[in-house]
Amino acid sequence: MNNPGSSMQLITVVAGYAPSGSLSKVAFRWIQALREISTYLVLVFDQDNLDDLKKLFADDHSVAIICERHGAYDFGSYKRGLKLAAKRDWIKRVHHVLLCNDSVIGPFTDLYSILKEMVVDTTSVWGLTDSHIYRPHLQSYFLLIQRSVIERDEVRTFFGNVTPQPCRHDVIQCYELGFSHLMTTLGLKWRAWLPINSMFDPQKGEQMVNSTAYPVCSLAAGSPVIKKRALKELS
């Protein structure tokens, strides 16, 4: 497989869930795009089995697949993916770790170019977007993290302590906001590629609170993906 992303030395951990029991065309396209830019790819699906996914990468030894029902949302999958990647020594062989999920549609633009911009920057942690809901934080559906950050004891402990939460809201509070808070506590710089302070509601003229709720505006601003949830809420 032609893999331009190998020059970036990147391992990607994808959190996923296929409610129908098979991989959708949208998820397939996203995963294929991630494989193109990743040196290693770890796919973690919160379900017992996903045969079509295993068949897709049966001959690719730089891809690992975990199908395991854990009920801990994305961070539960990130936890398992990072543990497997460390066990295989894949993390030691790369410069960055990308944590993302399958809640998006895309890419609509060149994902490799966007990641390359992030990689050459000295920022410790990048997100595609951030939010000011509750307090400023990176949104966890796409996080690019320097290896030196992932290898810190405090960060390993953070992911190692991920447990199932009562609901999605509690996951956001504990882990999405918690991760950005931890980075700040450690004195590490984090930033969003599409910062919320540059995004304004086209009808009201007010600054957006959550730019992923505005798919057309996000695409116009250069986002490579849009969230599936935004399209459902528009319908």
C-alpha atoms as a PDB file:
ATOM      1  CA  MET A   1       0.000   0.000   0.000  1.00  0.00           C
ATOM      2  CA  ASN A   2       1.233   3.474  -0.860  1.00  0.00           C
ATOM      3  CA  ASN A   3       1.598   5.175   2.474  1.00  0.00           C
ATOM      4  CA  PRO A   4       2.671   8.845   2.282  1.00  0.00           C
ATOM      5  CA  GLY A   5       1.908   9.221   5.977  1.00  0.00           C
ATOM      6  CA  SER A   6       4.881   7.062   6.904  1.00  0.00           C
ATOM      7  CA  SER A   7       7.088  10.138   6.525  1.00  0.00           C
ATOM      8  CA  MET A   8       5.150  11.658   9.418  1.00  0.00           C
ATOM      9  CA  GLN A   9       5.777   8.638  11.675  1.00  0.00           C
ATOM     10  CA  LEU A  10       2.192   8.501  12.857  1.00  0.00           C
ATOM     11  CA  ILE A  11       0.136   5.897  14.687  1.00  0.00           C
ATOM     12  CA  THR A  12      -3.629   6.339  14.583  1.00  0.00           C
ATOM     13  CA  VAL A  13      -6.072   4.851  17.081  1.00  0.00           C
ATOM     14  CA  VAL A  14      -9.660   4.876  15.857  1.00  0.00           C
ATOM     15  CA  ALA A  15     -12.627   4.435  18.187  1.00  0.00           C
ATOM     16  CA  GLY A  16     -15.643   3.015  16.398  1.00  0.00           C
ATOM     17  CA  TYR A  17     -19.047   1.427  16.646  1.00  0.00           C
ATOM     18  CA  ALA A  18     -21.081  -0.132  13.848  1.00  0.00           C
ATOM     19  CA  PRO A  19     -24.706  -0.398  15.033  1.00  0.00           C
ATOM     20  CA  SER A  20     -25.731  -2.537  12.056  1.00  0.00           C
ATOM     21  CA  GLY A  21     -22.945  -5.022  12.704  1.00  0.00           C
ATOM     22  CA  SER A  22     -21.152  -4.131   9.490  1.00  0.00           C
ATOM     23  CA  LEU A  23     -18.964  -1.235   8.421  1.00  0.00           C
ATOM     24  CA  SER A  24     -20.816   1.571   6.633  1.00  0.00           C
ATOM     25  CA  LYS A  25     -19.479   3.068   3.398  1.00  0.00           C
ATOM     26  CA  VAL A  26     -18.901   6.349   5.222  1.00  0.00           C
ATOM     27  CA  ALA A  27     -16.854   4.675   7.958  1.00  0.00           C
ATOM     28  CA  PHE A  28     -14.998   2.588   5.372  1.00  0.00           C
ATOM     29  CA  ARG A  29     -13.952   5.725   3.468  1.00  0.00           C
ATOM     30  CA  TRP A  30     -12.773   7.448   6.649  1.00  0.00           C
ATOM     31  CA  ILE A  31     -10.764   4.448   7.824  1.00  0.00           C
ATOM     32  CA  GLN A  32      -9.166   4.022   4.414  1.00  0.00           C
ATOM     33  CA  ALA A  33      -8.141   7.693   4.442  1.00  0.00           C
ATOM     34  CA  LEU A  34      -6.583   7.260   7.878  1.00  0.00           C
ATOM     35  CA  ARG A  35      -4.697   4.188   6.712  1.00  0.00           C
ATOM     36  CA  GLU A  36      -3.214   6.234   3.879  1.00  0.00           C
ATOM     37  CA  ILE A  37      -1.606   8.719   6.271  1.00  0.00           C
ATOM     38  CA  SER A  38      -0.667   6.369   9.132  1.00  0.00           C
ATOM     39  CA  THR A  39       2.414   4.278   9.731  1.00  0.00           C
ATOM     40  CA  TYR A  40       0.369   2.085  12.084  1.00  0.00           C
ATOM     41  CA  LEU A  41      -3.379   1.891  12.548  1.00  0.00           C
ATOM     42  CA  VAL A  42      -5.293   0.490  15.527  1.00  0.00           C
ATOM     43  CA  LEU A  43      -9.047   0.079  15.118  1.00  0.00           C
ATOM     44  CA  VAL A  44     -11.042  -0.424  18.316  1.00  0.00           C
ATOM     45  CA  PHE A  45     -14.743  -1.159  17.966  1.00  0.00           C
ATOM     46  CA  ASP A  46     -17.035  -1.342  20.986  1.00  0.00           C
ATOM     47  CA  GLN A  47     -18.744  -4.559  19.909  1.00  0.00           C
ATOM     48  CA  ASP A  48     -18.146  -8.279  19.913  1.00  0.00           C
ATOM     49  CA  ASN A  49     -17.280  -8.755  16.255  1.00  0.00           C
ATOM     50  CA  LEU A  50     -16.944  -7.002  12.885  1.00  0.00           C
ATOM     51  CA  ASP A  51     -15.951  -9.551  10.278  1.00  0.00           C
ATOM     52  CA  ASP A  52     -15.848  -7.205   7.283  1.00  0.00           C
ATOM     53  CA  LEU A  53     -13.320  -4.982   9.040  1.00  0.00           C
ATOM     54  CA  LYS A  54     -11.032  -7.909   9.761  1.00  0.00           C
ATOM     55  CA  LYS A  55     -11.260  -9.077   6.152  1.00  0.00           C
ATOM     56  CA  LEU A  56     -10.415  -5.594   4.907  1.00  0.00           C
ATOM     57  CA  PHE A  57      -7.006  -5.573   6.627  1.00  0.00           C
ATOM     58  CA  ALA A  58      -6.289  -9.296   6.813  1.00  0.00           C
ATOM     59  CA  ASP A  59      -2.933  -8.945   5.018  1.00  0.00           C
ATOM     60  CA  ASP A  60      -1.850  -5.615   6.511  1.00  0.00           C
ATOM     61  CA  HIS A  61       0.495  -6.310   9.428  1.00  0.00           C
ATOM     62  CA  SER A  62       0.673  -2.622  10.376  1.00  0.00           C
ATOM     63  CA  VAL A  63      -3.019  -2.655  11.285  1.00  0.00           C
ATOM     64  CA  ALA A  64      -4.429  -4.065  14.523  1.00  0.00           C
ATOM     65  CA  ILE A  65      -8.108  -4.611  15.217  1.00  0.00           C
ATOM     66  CA  ILE A  66      -9.840  -4.944  18.571  1.00  0.00           C
ATOM     67  CA  CYS A  67     -13.528  -5.834  18.747  1.00  0.00           C
ATOM     68  CA  GLU A  68     -14.509  -5.783  22.387  1.00  0.00           C
ATOM     69  CA  ARG A  69     -17.650  -4.563  24.085  1.00  0.00           C
ATOM     70  CA  HIS A  70     -16.543  -2.189  26.851  1.00  0.00           C
ATOM     71  CA  GLY A  71     -19.236   0.506  27.103  1.00  0.00           C
ATOM     72  CA  ALA A  72     -16.726   3.274  27.845  1.00  0.00           C
ATOM     73  CA  TYR A  73     -17.293   5.337  24.697  1.00  0.00           C
ATOM     74  CA  ASP A  74     -14.369   6.763  22.695  1.00  0.00           C
ATOM     75  CA  PHE A  75     -11.961   7.052  25.597  1.00  0.00           C
ATOM     76  CA  GLY A  76     -12.507   3.405  26.455  1.00  0.00           C
ATOM     77  CA  SER A  77     -11.426   2.561  22.909  1.00  0.00           C
ATOM     78  CA  TYR A  78      -8.501   4.988  23.074  1.00  0.00           C
ATOM     79  CA  LYS A  79      -7.397   3.275  26.286  1.00  0.00           C
ATOM     80  CA  ARG A  80      -7.420  -0.165  24.671  1.00  0.00           C
ATOM     81  CA  GLY A  81      -5.800   1.015  21.452  1.00  0.00           C
ATOM     82  CA  LEU A  82      -2.958   2.767  23.232  1.00  0.00           C
ATOM     83  CA  LYS A  83      -2.350  -0.267  25.429  1.00  0.00           C
ATOM     84  CA  LEU A  84      -2.063  -2.552  22.407  1.00  0.00           C
ATOM     85  CA  ALA A  85       0.147  -0.071  20.525  1.00  0.00           C
ATOM     86  CA  ALA A  86       2.504   0.171  23.501  1.00  0.00           C
ATOM     87  CA  LYS A  87       2.616  -3.613  23.832  1.00  0.00           C
ATOM     88  CA  ARG A  88       3.703  -3.910  20.202  1.00  0.00           C
ATOM     89  CA  ASP A  89       6.254  -1.093  20.609  1.00  0.00           C
ATOM     90  CA  TRP A  90       4.541   0.833  17.837  1.00  0.00           C
ATOM     91  CA  ILE A  91       4.415   4.044  19.870  1.00  0.00           C
ATOM     92  CA  LYS A  92       8.187   4.045  20.280  1.00  0.00           C
ATOM     93  CA  ARG A  93       8.595   4.006  16.485  1.00  0.00           C
ATOM     94  CA  VAL A  94       6.548   7.125  15.731  1.00  0.00           C
ATOM     95  CA  HIS A  95       6.624  10.836  16.508  1.00  0.00           C
ATOM     96  CA  HIS A  96       2.892  11.454  16.935  1.00  0.00           C
ATOM     97  CA  VAL A  97      -0.273   9.638  17.985  1.00  0.00           C
ATOM     98  CA  LEU A  98      -3.629  10.473  16.435  1.00  0.00           C
ATOM     99  CA  LEU A  99      -6.748   9.621  18.437  1.00  0.00           C
ATOM    100  CA  CYS A 100      -9.973   9.878  16.467  1.00  0.00           C
ATOM    101  CA  ASN A 101     -13.361   8.239  16.054  1.00  0.00           C
ATOM    102  CA  ASP A 102     -15.777   7.260  13.315  1.00  0.00           C
ATOM    103  CA  SER A 103     -18.382   9.930  14.114  1.00  0.00           C
ATOM    104  CA  VAL A 104     -17.393  11.952  11.044  1.00  0.00           C
ATOM    105  CA  ILE A 105     -17.975  12.101   7.300  1.00  0.00           C
ATOM    106  CA  GLY A 106     -14.955  12.808   5.147  1.00  0.00           C
ATOM    107  CA  PRO A 107     -12.315  13.707   4.386  1.00  0.00           C
ATOM    108  CA  PHE A 108     -13.405  16.488   2.033  1.00  0.00           C
ATOM    109  CA  THR A 109      -9.941  18.040   1.835  1.00  0.00           C
ATOM    110  CA  ASP A 110      -6.364  16.761   1.925  1.00  0.00           C
ATOM    111  CA  LEU A 111      -6.022  15.264   5.399  1.00  0.00           C
ATOM    112  CA  TYR A 112      -2.313  14.649   4.960  1.00  0.00           C
ATOM    113  CA  SER A 113      -1.590  18.360   4.349  1.00  0.00           C
ATOM    114  CA  ILE A 114      -3.501  19.394   7.445  1.00  0.00           C
ATOM    115  CA  LEU A 115      -1.705  16.872   9.630  1.00  0.00           C
ATOM    116  CA  LYS A 116       1.626  17.899   8.146  1.00  0.00           C
ATOM    117  CA  GLU A 117       0.978  21.483   9.276  1.00  0.00           C
ATOM    118  CA  MET A 118       0.316  20.218  12.788  1.00  0.00           C
ATOM    119  CA  VAL A 119       3.313  17.895  12.871  1.00  0.00           C
ATOM    120  CA  VAL A 120       5.868  20.558  11.940  1.00  0.00           C
ATOM    121  CA  ASP A 121       4.521  22.848  14.677  1.00  0.00           C
ATOM    122  CA  THR A 122       5.885  22.605  18.222  1.00  0.00           C
ATOM    123  CA  THR A 123       2.427  22.469  19.823  1.00  0.00           C
ATOM    124  CA  SER A 124       2.155  19.424  22.089  1.00  0.00           C
ATOM    125  CA  VAL A 125      -1.475  18.591  21.320  1.00  0.00           C
ATOM    126  CA  TRP A 126      -3.661  19.560  18.381  1.00  0.00           C
ATOM    127  CA  GLY A 127      -7.376  19.153  17.877  1.00  0.00           C
ATOM    128  CA  LEU A 128      -9.354  19.874  14.757  1.00  0.00           C
ATOM    129  CA  THR A 129     -11.784  21.950  16.813  1.00  0.00           C
ATOM    130  CA  ASP A 130     -12.218  23.282  20.305  1.00  0.00           C
ATOM    131  CA  SER A 131     -15.217  24.342  22.349  1.00  0.00           C
ATOM    132  CA  HIS A 132     -15.974  26.772  25.150  1.00  0.00           C
ATOM    133  CA  ILE A 133     -18.843  24.710  26.556  1.00  0.00           C
ATOM    134  CA  TYR A 134     -18.251  24.391  30.321  1.00  0.00           C
ATOM    135  CA  ARG A 135     -14.650  25.573  29.851  1.00  0.00           C
ATOM    136  CA  PRO A 136     -12.226  25.810  26.899  1.00  0.00           C
ATOM    137  CA  HIS A 137     -11.166  22.380  25.689  1.00  0.00           C
ATOM    138  CA  LEU A 138     -10.254  20.398  22.587  1.00  0.00           C
ATOM    139  CA  GLN A 139     -12.963  18.180  21.164  1.00  0.00           C
ATOM    140  CA  SER A 140     -11.845  14.592  21.434  1.00  0.00           C
ATOM    141  CA  TYR A 141     -13.049  13.176  18.109  1.00  0.00           C
ATOM    142  CA  PHE A 142      -9.666  14.184  16.623  1.00  0.00           C
ATOM    143  CA  LEU A 143      -6.559  14.695  18.765  1.00  0.00           C
ATOM    144  CA  LEU A 144      -2.986  14.721  17.465  1.00  0.00           C
ATOM    145  CA  ILE A 145      -0.525  14.208  20.328  1.00  0.00           C
ATOM    146  CA  GLN A 146       3.250  14.229  20.423  1.00  0.00           C
ATOM    147  CA  ARG A 147       4.730  10.884  21.442  1.00  0.00           C
ATOM    148  CA  SER A 148       6.593  12.507  24.335  1.00  0.00           C
ATOM    149  CA  VAL A 149       3.212  13.557  25.745  1.00  0.00           C
ATOM    150  CA  ILE A 150       1.644  10.102  25.371  1.00  0.00           C
ATOM    151  CA  GLU A 151       4.646   8.590  27.168  1.00  0.00           C
ATOM    152  CA  ARG A 152       4.342  10.819  30.230  1.00  0.00           C
ATOM    153  CA  ASP A 153       3.317   8.944  33.371  1.00  0.00           C
ATOM    154  CA  GLU A 154       0.466  11.354  34.052  1.00  0.00           C
ATOM    155  CA  VAL A 155      -1.004  10.795  30.592  1.00  0.00           C
ATOM    156  CA  ARG A 156      -0.601   7.031  30.785  1.00  0.00           C
ATOM    157  CA  THR A 157      -2.400   7.112  34.132  1.00  0.00           C
ATOM    158  CA  PHE A 158      -5.177   9.295  32.682  1.00  0.00           C
ATOM    159  CA  PHE A 159      -5.966   6.830  29.907  1.00  0.00           C
ATOM    160  CA  GLY A 160      -5.326   3.803  32.100  1.00  0.00           C
ATOM    161  CA  ASN A 161      -7.971   5.012  34.557  1.00  0.00           C
ATOM    162  CA  VAL A 162     -10.738   5.407  31.959  1.00  0.00           C
ATOM    163  CA  THR A 163     -13.861   3.546  33.104  1.00  0.00           C
ATOM    164  CA  PRO A 164     -17.465   3.382  31.844  1.00  0.00           C
ATOM    165  CA  GLN A 165     -19.535   6.424  32.769  1.00  0.00           C
ATOM    166  CA  PRO A 166     -23.309   6.676  33.235  1.00  0.00           C
ATOM    167  CA  CYS A 167     -23.838   8.707  30.059  1.00  0.00           C
ATOM    168  CA  ARG A 168     -22.152  10.601  27.222  1.00  0.00           C
ATOM    169  CA  HIS A 169     -22.367  13.861  29.209  1.00  0.00           C
ATOM    170  CA  ASP A 170     -20.286  12.339  32.004  1.00  0.00           C
ATOM    171  CA  VAL A 171     -17.711  11.122  29.480  1.00  0.00           C
ATOM    172  CA  ILE A 172     -17.333  14.673  28.163  1.00  0.00           C
ATOM    173  CA  GLN A 173     -16.955  16.055  31.665  1.00  0.00           C
ATOM    174  CA  CYS A 174     -14.506  13.413  32.895  1.00  0.00           C
ATOM    175  CA  TYR A 175     -12.402  12.745  29.841  1.00  0.00           C
ATOM    176  CA  GLU A 176     -12.857  15.264  27.021  1.00  0.00           C
ATOM    177  CA  LEU A 177     -12.624  18.275  29.329  1.00  0.00           C
ATOM    178  CA  GLY A 178     -10.353  16.319  31.641  1.00  0.00           C
ATOM    179  CA  PHE A 179      -7.736  15.715  28.967  1.00  0.00           C
ATOM    180  CA  SER A 180      -7.377  19.401  28.058  1.00  0.00           C
ATOM    181  CA  HIS A 181      -7.303  20.261  31.748  1.00  0.00           C
ATOM    182  CA  LEU A 182      -4.509  17.753  32.287  1.00  0.00           C
ATOM    183  CA  MET A 183      -2.494  19.252  29.425  1.00  0.00           C
ATOM    184  CA  THR A 184      -2.868  22.706  30.971  1.00  0.00           C
ATOM    185  CA  THR A 185      -1.907  21.382  34.399  1.00  0.00           C
ATOM    186  CA  LEU A 186       1.236  19.835  32.898  1.00  0.00           C
ATOM    187  CA  GLY A 187       2.120  23.145  31.278  1.00  0.00           C
ATOM    188  CA  LEU A 188       1.697  21.765  27.765  1.00  0.00           C
ATOM    189  CA  LYS A 189       0.454  23.864  24.871  1.00  0.00           C
ATOM    190  CA  TRP A 190      -2.689  22.788  23.021  1.00  0.00           C
ATOM    191  CA  ARG A 191      -4.557  24.421  20.173  1.00  0.00           C
ATOM    192  CA  ALA A 192      -7.258  23.798  17.586  1.00  0.00           C
ATOM    193  CA  TRP A 193      -6.678  23.842  13.843  1.00  0.00           C
ATOM    194  CA  LEU A 194     -10.097  25.489  13.425  1.00  0.00           C
ATOM    195  CA  PRO A 195     -10.366  27.577  16.614  1.00  0.00           C
ATOM    196  CA  ILE A 196     -13.805  28.438  17.917  1.00  0.00           C
ATOM    197  CA  ASN A 197     -12.913  32.117  18.314  1.00  0.00           C
ATOM    198  CA  SER A 198     -12.703  32.374  14.515  1.00  0.00           C
ATOM    199  CA  MET A 199     -16.147  30.862  13.923  1.00  0.00           C
ATOM    200  CA  PHE A 200     -19.331  32.977  13.894  1.00  0.00           C
ATOM    201  CA  ASP A 201     -22.974  32.068  13.428  1.00  0.00           C
ATOM    202  CA  PRO A 202     -23.860  33.213   9.868  1.00  0.00           C
ATOM    203  CA  GLN A 203     -27.395  34.223  10.886  1.00  0.00           C
ATOM    204  CA  LYS A 204     -26.874  35.849  14.267  1.00  0.00           C
ATOM    205  CA  GLY A 205     -23.286  37.034  13.849  1.00  0.00           C
ATOM    206  CA  GLU A 206     -22.432  35.693  17.299  1.00  0.00           C
ATOM    207  CA  GLN A 207     -19.388  33.576  18.056  1.00  0.00           C
ATOM    208  CA  MET A 208     -20.205  29.875  17.878  1.00  0.00           C
ATOM    209  CA  VAL A 209     -20.082  27.739  20.982  1.00  0.00           C
ATOM    210  CA  ASN A 210     -19.632  24.475  19.086  1.00  0.00           C
ATOM    211  CA  SER A 211     -18.529  24.752  15.457  1.00  0.00           C
ATOM    212  CA  THR A 212     -19.207  21.062  14.697  1.00  0.00           C
ATOM    213  CA  ALA A 213     -22.931  21.927  14.847  1.00  0.00           C
ATOM    214  CA  TYR A 214     -22.439  24.077  11.718  1.00  0.00           C
ATOM    215  CA  PRO A 215     -21.330  21.617   9.001  1.00  0.00           C
ATOM    216  CA  VAL A 216     -21.557  24.030   6.054  1.00  0.00           C
ATOM    217  CA  CYS A 217     -19.568  26.694   7.893  1.00  0.00           C
ATOM    218  CA  SER A 218     -17.002  24.105   8.968  1.00  0.00           C
ATOM    219  CA  LEU A 219     -16.470  22.952   5.388  1.00  0.00           C
ATOM    220  CA  ALA A 220     -16.235  26.545   4.164  1.00  0.00           C
ATOM    221  CA  ALA A 221     -13.549  27.203   6.791  1.00  0.00           C
ATOM    222  CA  GLY A 222     -11.507  24.253   5.491  1.00  0.00           C
ATOM    223  CA  SER A 223     -12.432  21.441   7.876  1.00  0.00           C
ATOM    224  CA  PRO A 224     -11.639  18.033   6.350  1.00  0.00           C
ATOM    225  CA  VAL A 225     -14.644  16.432   8.057  1.00  0.00           C
ATOM    226  CA  ILE A 226     -18.116  17.123   9.366  1.00  0.00           C
ATOM    227  CA  LYS A 227     -19.855  15.376  12.240  1.00  0.00           C
ATOM    228  CA  LYS A 228     -22.620  12.903  11.458  1.00  0.00           C
ATOM    229  CA  ARG A 229     -24.578  14.209  14.449  1.00  0.00           C
ATOM    230  CA  ALA A 230     -24.816  17.675  12.884  1.00  0.00           C
ATOM    231  CA  LEU A 231     -26.578  16.315   9.814  1.00  0.00           C
ATOM    232  CA  LYS A 232     -29.019  14.313  11.943  1.00  0.00           C
ATOM    233  CA  GLU A 233     -29.872  17.396  13.978  1.00  0.00           C
ATOM    234  CA  LEU A 234     -30.500  19.408  10.795  1.00  0.00           C
ATOM    235  CA  SER A 235     -32.962  16.853   9.424  1.00  0.00           C
END
